[in-house]
All heavy atoms as atom14 arrays in JSON, in Angstrom:
{
  "sequence": "GGIEVVNRISIPDGLIPGDASVEMEAKKAA",
  "atom14_mask": [
    [1, 1, 1, 1, 0, 0, 0, 0, 0, 0, 0, 0, 0, 0],
    [1, 1, 1, 1, 0, 0, 0, 0, 0, 0, 0, 0, 0, 0],
    [1, 1, 1, 1, 1, 1, 1, 1, 0, 0, 0, 0, 0, 0],
    [1, 1, 1, 1, 1, 1, 1, 1, 1, 0, 0, 0, 0, 0],
    [1, 1, 1, 1, 1, 1, 1, 0, 0, 0, 0, 0, 0, 0],
    [1, 1, 1, 1, 1, 1, 1, 0, 0, 0, 0, 0, 0, 0],
    [1, 1, 1, 1, 1, 1, 1, 1, 0, 0, 0, 0, 0, 0],
    [1, 1, 1, 1, 1, 1, 1, 1, 1, 1, 1, 0, 0, 0],
    [1, 1, 1, 1, 1, 1, 1, 1, 0, 0, 0, 0, 0, 0],
    [1, 1, 1, 1, 1, 1, 0, 0, 0, 0, 0, 0, 0, 0],
    [1, 1, 1, 1, 1, 1, 1, 1, 0, 0, 0, 0, 0, 0],
    [1, 1, 1, 1, 1, 1, 1, 0, 0, 0, 0, 0, 0, 0],
    [1, 1, 1, 1, 1, 1, 1, 1, 0, 0, 0, 0, 0, 0],
    [1, 1, 1, 1, 0, 0, 0, 0, 0, 0, 0, 0, 0, 0],
    [1, 1, 1, 1, 1, 1, 1, 1, 0, 0, 0, 0, 0, 0],
    [1, 1, 1, 1, 1, 1, 1, 1, 0, 0, 0, 0, 0, 0],
    [1, 1, 1, 1, 1, 1, 1, 0, 0, 0, 0, 0, 0, 0],
    [1, 1, 1, 1, 0, 0, 0, 0, 0, 0, 0, 0, 0, 0],
    [1, 1, 1, 1, 1, 1, 1, 1, 0, 0, 0, 0, 0, 0],
    [1, 1, 1, 1, 1, 0, 0, 0, 0, 0, 0, 0, 0, 0],
    [1, 1, 1, 1, 1, 1, 0, 0, 0, 0, 0, 0, 0, 0],
    [1, 1, 1, 1, 1, 1, 1, 0, 0, 0, 0, 0, 0, 0],
    [1, 1, 1, 1, 1, 1, 1, 1, 1, 0, 0, 0, 0, 0],
    [1, 1, 1, 1, 1, 1, 1, 1, 0, 0, 0, 0, 0, 0],
    [1, 1, 1, 1, 1, 1, 1, 1, 1, 0, 0, 0, 0, 0],
    [1, 1, 1, 1, 1, 0, 0, 0, 0, 0, 0, 0, 0, 0],
    [1, 1, 1, 1, 1, 1, 1, 1, 1, 0, 0, 0, 0, 0],
    [1, 1, 1, 1, 1, 1, 1, 1, 1, 0, 0, 0, 0, 0],
    [1, 1, 1, 1, 1, 0, 0, 0, 0, 0, 0, 0, 0, 0],
    [1, 1, 1, 1, 1, 0, 0, 0, 0, 0, 0, 0, 0, 0]
  ],
  "atom14_positions": [
    [[133.75, 105.28, 68.19], [132.38, 105.41, 67.8], [131.91, 106.72, 67.28], [130.76, 106.95, 67.02], [0.0, 0.0, 0.0], [0.0, 0.0, 0.0], [0.0, 0.0, 0.0], [0.0, 0.0, 0.0], [0.0, 0.0, 0.0], [0.0, 0.0, 0.0], [0.0, 0.0, 0.0], [0.0, 0.0, 0.0], [0.0, 0.0, 0.0], [0.0, 0.0, 0.0]],
    [[132.83, 107.68, 67.28], [132.52, 109.04, 66.81], [132.06, 110.01, 67.9], [131.51, 111.08, 67.56], [0.0, 0.0, 0.0], [0.0, 0.0, 0.0], [0.0, 0.0, 0.0], [0.0, 0.0, 0.0], [0.0, 0.0, 0.0], [0.0, 0.0, 0.0], [0.0, 0.0, 0.0], [0.0, 0.0, 0.0], [0.0, 0.0, 0.0], [0.0, 0.0, 0.0]],
    [[132.27, 109.68, 69.17], [131.85, 110.49, 70.35], [133.07, 111.23, 70.81], [134.04, 110.56, 71.18], [131.15, 109.64, 71.37], [129.87, 108.94, 70.76], [130.77, 110.5, 72.58], [129.23, 107.99, 71.76], [0.0, 0.0, 0.0], [0.0, 0.0, 0.0], [0.0, 0.0, 0.0], [0.0, 0.0, 0.0], [0.0, 0.0, 0.0], [0.0, 0.0, 0.0]],
    [[132.95, 112.48, 70.92], [134.11, 113.3, 71.36], [134.15, 113.2, 72.94], [133.05, 113.38, 73.6], [133.95, 114.78, 70.93], [135.1, 115.7, 71.49], [134.79, 117.15, 71.09], [133.81, 117.42, 70.36], [135.61, 118.0, 71.51], [0.0, 0.0, 0.0], [0.0, 0.0, 0.0], [0.0, 0.0, 0.0], [0.0, 0.0, 0.0], [0.0, 0.0, 0.0]],
    [[135.27, 113.11, 73.51], [135.47, 113.15, 74.91], [136.4, 114.31, 75.25], [137.55, 114.35, 74.77], [136.11, 111.85, 75.45], [136.46, 111.89, 77.0], [135.21, 110.68, 75.18], [0.0, 0.0, 0.0], [0.0, 0.0, 0.0], [0.0, 0.0, 0.0], [0.0, 0.0, 0.0], [0.0, 0.0, 0.0], [0.0, 0.0, 0.0], [0.0, 0.0, 0.0]],
    [[135.92, 115.23, 76.1], [136.72, 116.51, 76.45], [137.68, 116.21, 77.56], [138.86, 116.37, 77.52], [135.8, 117.64, 76.69], [136.57, 118.85, 77.06], [134.87, 117.84, 75.48], [0.0, 0.0, 0.0], [0.0, 0.0, 0.0], [0.0, 0.0, 0.0], [0.0, 0.0, 0.0], [0.0, 0.0, 0.0], [0.0, 0.0, 0.0], [0.0, 0.0, 0.0]],
    [[137.12, 115.75, 78.73], [137.89, 115.57, 79.89], [137.71, 114.1, 80.44], [136.63, 113.53, 80.41], [137.44, 116.51, 81.02], [137.61, 117.98, 80.66], [138.68, 118.37, 80.2], [136.53, 118.72, 80.87], [0.0, 0.0, 0.0], [0.0, 0.0, 0.0], [0.0, 0.0, 0.0], [0.0, 0.0, 0.0], [0.0, 0.0, 0.0], [0.0, 0.0, 0.0]],
    [[138.83, 113.51, 80.93], [138.77, 112.21, 81.63], [139.04, 112.4, 83.05], [139.98, 113.19, 83.47], [139.74, 111.25, 80.99], [139.46, 110.97, 79.53], [140.62, 109.97, 78.93], [140.46, 108.64, 79.55], [141.33, 107.68, 79.25], [142.31, 107.95, 78.38], [141.2, 106.52, 79.75], [0.0, 0.0, 0.0], [0.0, 0.0, 0.0], [0.0, 0.0, 0.0]],
    [[138.23, 111.74, 83.87], [138.33, 111.94, 85.45], [138.56, 110.61, 86.05], [137.81, 109.66, 85.93], [137.02, 112.61, 85.92], [136.78, 114.02, 85.18], [137.13, 112.81, 87.42], [135.45, 114.63, 85.53], [0.0, 0.0, 0.0], [0.0, 0.0, 0.0], [0.0, 0.0, 0.0], [0.0, 0.0, 0.0], [0.0, 0.0, 0.0], [0.0, 0.0, 0.0]],
    [[139.66, 110.56, 86.82], [139.99, 109.32, 87.59], [139.53, 109.48, 88.92], [139.17, 110.59, 89.44], [141.49, 109.01, 87.46], [142.15, 110.14, 88.1], [0.0, 0.0, 0.0], [0.0, 0.0, 0.0], [0.0, 0.0, 0.0], [0.0, 0.0, 0.0], [0.0, 0.0, 0.0], [0.0, 0.0, 0.0], [0.0, 0.0, 0.0], [0.0, 0.0, 0.0]],
    [[139.44, 108.38, 89.72], [139.01, 108.41, 91.04], [139.99, 109.09, 91.93], [141.24, 108.82, 91.87], [138.66, 106.97, 91.62], [138.07, 107.01, 93.0], [139.86, 106.13, 91.48], [137.61, 105.68, 93.5], [0.0, 0.0, 0.0], [0.0, 0.0, 0.0], [0.0, 0.0, 0.0], [0.0, 0.0, 0.0], [0.0, 0.0, 0.0], [0.0, 0.0, 0.0]],
    [[139.61, 110.03, 92.84], [140.57, 110.67, 93.75], [141.17, 109.62, 94.8], [140.52, 108.64, 95.18], [139.66, 111.67, 94.5], [138.44, 111.84, 93.63], [138.24, 110.58, 92.99], [0.0, 0.0, 0.0], [0.0, 0.0, 0.0], [0.0, 0.0, 0.0], [0.0, 0.0, 0.0], [0.0, 0.0, 0.0], [0.0, 0.0, 0.0], [0.0, 0.0, 0.0]],
    [[142.41, 109.9, 95.04], [143.15, 108.9, 95.92], [142.42, 108.71, 97.25], [142.53, 107.72, 97.85], [144.57, 109.43, 96.15], [145.37, 109.3, 94.86], [145.03, 108.55, 94.02], [146.4, 110.07, 94.77], [0.0, 0.0, 0.0], [0.0, 0.0, 0.0], [0.0, 0.0, 0.0], [0.0, 0.0, 0.0], [0.0, 0.0, 0.0], [0.0, 0.0, 0.0]],
    [[141.78, 109.73, 97.76], [141.13, 109.74, 99.09], [139.95, 108.71, 99.13], [139.55, 108.41, 100.21], [0.0, 0.0, 0.0], [0.0, 0.0, 0.0], [0.0, 0.0, 0.0], [0.0, 0.0, 0.0], [0.0, 0.0, 0.0], [0.0, 0.0, 0.0], [0.0, 0.0, 0.0], [0.0, 0.0, 0.0], [0.0, 0.0, 0.0], [0.0, 0.0, 0.0]],
    [[139.46, 108.25, 97.98], [138.28, 107.38, 97.88], [138.71, 105.94, 97.69], [137.83, 105.06, 97.68], [137.39, 107.77, 96.77], [136.69, 109.21, 96.87], [135.75, 109.43, 95.67], [135.85, 109.33, 98.15], [0.0, 0.0, 0.0], [0.0, 0.0, 0.0], [0.0, 0.0, 0.0], [0.0, 0.0, 0.0], [0.0, 0.0, 0.0], [0.0, 0.0, 0.0]],
    [[140.01, 105.72, 97.6], [140.49, 104.31, 97.28], [140.62, 103.48, 98.61], [141.33, 103.92, 99.52], [141.85, 104.36, 96.59], [141.73, 105.12, 95.28], [142.39, 102.92, 96.39], [143.08, 105.38, 94.66], [0.0, 0.0, 0.0], [0.0, 0.0, 0.0], [0.0, 0.0, 0.0], [0.0, 0.0, 0.0], [0.0, 0.0, 0.0], [0.0, 0.0, 0.0]],
    [[139.83, 102.41, 98.82], [139.93, 101.61, 99.98], [141.38, 100.99, 100.12], [142.04, 100.79, 99.09], [138.9, 100.47, 99.7], [137.99, 101.03, 98.69], [138.8, 101.88, 97.81], [0.0, 0.0, 0.0], [0.0, 0.0, 0.0], [0.0, 0.0, 0.0], [0.0, 0.0, 0.0], [0.0, 0.0, 0.0], [0.0, 0.0, 0.0], [0.0, 0.0, 0.0]],
    [[141.74, 100.71, 101.36], [143.15, 100.27, 101.57], [143.46, 99.0, 100.82], [144.57, 98.93, 100.18], [0.0, 0.0, 0.0], [0.0, 0.0, 0.0], [0.0, 0.0, 0.0], [0.0, 0.0, 0.0], [0.0, 0.0, 0.0], [0.0, 0.0, 0.0], [0.0, 0.0, 0.0], [0.0, 0.0, 0.0], [0.0, 0.0, 0.0], [0.0, 0.0, 0.0]],
    [[142.65, 98.02, 100.78], [142.96, 96.77, 100.07], [142.9, 96.91, 98.61], [143.3, 96.0, 97.88], [142.08, 95.68, 100.58], [142.67, 94.2, 100.39], [143.89, 94.07, 100.61], [141.89, 93.27, 100.06], [0.0, 0.0, 0.0], [0.0, 0.0, 0.0], [0.0, 0.0, 0.0], [0.0, 0.0, 0.0], [0.0, 0.0, 0.0], [0.0, 0.0, 0.0]],
    [[142.35, 98.01, 98.12], [142.21, 98.23, 96.67], [143.41, 98.94, 96.08], [143.53, 99.1, 94.83], [140.91, 99.05, 96.36], [0.0, 0.0, 0.0], [0.0, 0.0, 0.0], [0.0, 0.0, 0.0], [0.0, 0.0, 0.0], [0.0, 0.0, 0.0], [0.0, 0.0, 0.0], [0.0, 0.0, 0.0], [0.0, 0.0, 0.0], [0.0, 0.0, 0.0]],
    [[144.43, 99.26, 96.91], [145.62, 99.92, 96.39], [146.36, 98.99, 95.45], [147.06, 99.5, 94.47], [146.55, 100.38, 97.48], [146.98, 99.22, 98.34], [0.0, 0.0, 0.0], [0.0, 0.0, 0.0], [0.0, 0.0, 0.0], [0.0, 0.0, 0.0], [0.0, 0.0, 0.0], [0.0, 0.0, 0.0], [0.0, 0.0, 0.0], [0.0, 0.0, 0.0]],
    [[146.26, 97.73, 95.63], [146.95, 96.76, 94.66], [146.32, 96.98, 93.23], [147.06, 97.04, 92.32], [146.69, 95.28, 95.15], [147.14, 94.27, 94.11], [147.45, 95.06, 96.5], [0.0, 0.0, 0.0], [0.0, 0.0, 0.0], [0.0, 0.0, 0.0], [0.0, 0.0, 0.0], [0.0, 0.0, 0.0], [0.0, 0.0, 0.0], [0.0, 0.0, 0.0]],
    [[145.0, 96.93, 93.17], [144.32, 97.1, 91.86], [144.67, 98.4, 91.27], [145.01, 98.49, 90.09], [142.87, 96.92, 92.09], [142.01, 97.29, 90.81], [140.54, 97.57, 91.05], [140.24, 98.66, 91.67], [139.74, 96.75, 90.71], [0.0, 0.0, 0.0], [0.0, 0.0, 0.0], [0.0, 0.0, 0.0], [0.0, 0.0, 0.0], [0.0, 0.0, 0.0]],
    [[144.61, 99.44, 92.05], [144.84, 100.85, 91.58], [146.2, 101.0, 91.0], [146.36, 101.56, 89.88], [144.52, 101.9, 92.62], [144.71, 103.27, 92.2], [143.71, 103.76, 90.69], [142.07, 103.27, 91.31], [0.0, 0.0, 0.0], [0.0, 0.0, 0.0], [0.0, 0.0, 0.0], [0.0, 0.0, 0.0], [0.0, 0.0, 0.0], [0.0, 0.0, 0.0]],
    [[147.21, 100.55, 91.74], [148.62, 100.83, 91.32], [148.91, 99.93, 90.13], [149.73, 100.32, 89.23], [149.57, 100.6, 92.45], [149.38, 101.57, 93.63], [149.61, 102.99, 93.13], [150.32, 103.26, 92.14], [149.07, 103.92, 93.8], [0.0, 0.0, 0.0], [0.0, 0.0, 0.0], [0.0, 0.0, 0.0], [0.0, 0.0, 0.0], [0.0, 0.0, 0.0]],
    [[148.38, 98.74, 90.07], [148.56, 97.79, 88.99], [147.95, 98.4, 87.69], [148.63, 98.36, 86.58], [147.96, 96.5, 89.22], [0.0, 0.0, 0.0], [0.0, 0.0, 0.0], [0.0, 0.0, 0.0], [0.0, 0.0, 0.0], [0.0, 0.0, 0.0], [0.0, 0.0, 0.0], [0.0, 0.0, 0.0], [0.0, 0.0, 0.0], [0.0, 0.0, 0.0]],
    [[146.79, 98.94, 87.78], [146.1, 99.68, 86.61], [146.92, 100.84, 86.21], [147.14, 100.98, 84.98], [144.7, 99.99, 87.0], [143.76, 98.86, 87.05], [142.37, 99.27, 87.35], [141.35, 98.16, 87.35], [139.97, 98.63, 87.58], [0.0, 0.0, 0.0], [0.0, 0.0, 0.0], [0.0, 0.0, 0.0], [0.0, 0.0, 0.0], [0.0, 0.0, 0.0]],
    [[147.41, 101.68, 87.07], [148.2, 102.81, 86.68], [149.47, 102.33, 85.96], [149.86, 102.91, 84.92], [148.55, 103.68, 87.88], [147.33, 104.52, 88.38], [147.5, 104.89, 89.83], [148.64, 105.86, 90.0], [148.72, 106.35, 91.47], [0.0, 0.0, 0.0], [0.0, 0.0, 0.0], [0.0, 0.0, 0.0], [0.0, 0.0, 0.0], [0.0, 0.0, 0.0]],
    [[150.16, 101.32, 86.5], [151.4, 100.74, 85.86], [151.07, 100.16, 84.43], [151.96, 100.2, 83.62], [152.0, 99.77, 86.76], [0.0, 0.0, 0.0], [0.0, 0.0, 0.0], [0.0, 0.0, 0.0], [0.0, 0.0, 0.0], [0.0, 0.0, 0.0], [0.0, 0.0, 0.0], [0.0, 0.0, 0.0], [0.0, 0.0, 0.0], [0.0, 0.0, 0.0]],
    [[149.87, 99.7, 84.33], [149.49, 99.05, 82.99], [149.08, 100.11, 81.95], [148.79, 99.75, 80.81], [148.47, 98.07, 83.2], [0.0, 0.0, 0.0], [0.0, 0.0, 0.0], [0.0, 0.0, 0.0], [0.0, 0.0, 0.0], [0.0, 0.0, 0.0], [0.0, 0.0, 0.0], [0.0, 0.0, 0.0], [0.0, 0.0, 0.0], [0.0, 0.0, 0.0]]
  ]
}
């Protein structure tokens, strides 16, 4: 859309709930 993005920031590991590790690792692998 013509918008510049300088930095991308992902969620810190310490904020990931235990049961959400499935989602997080699947997304990283994808």
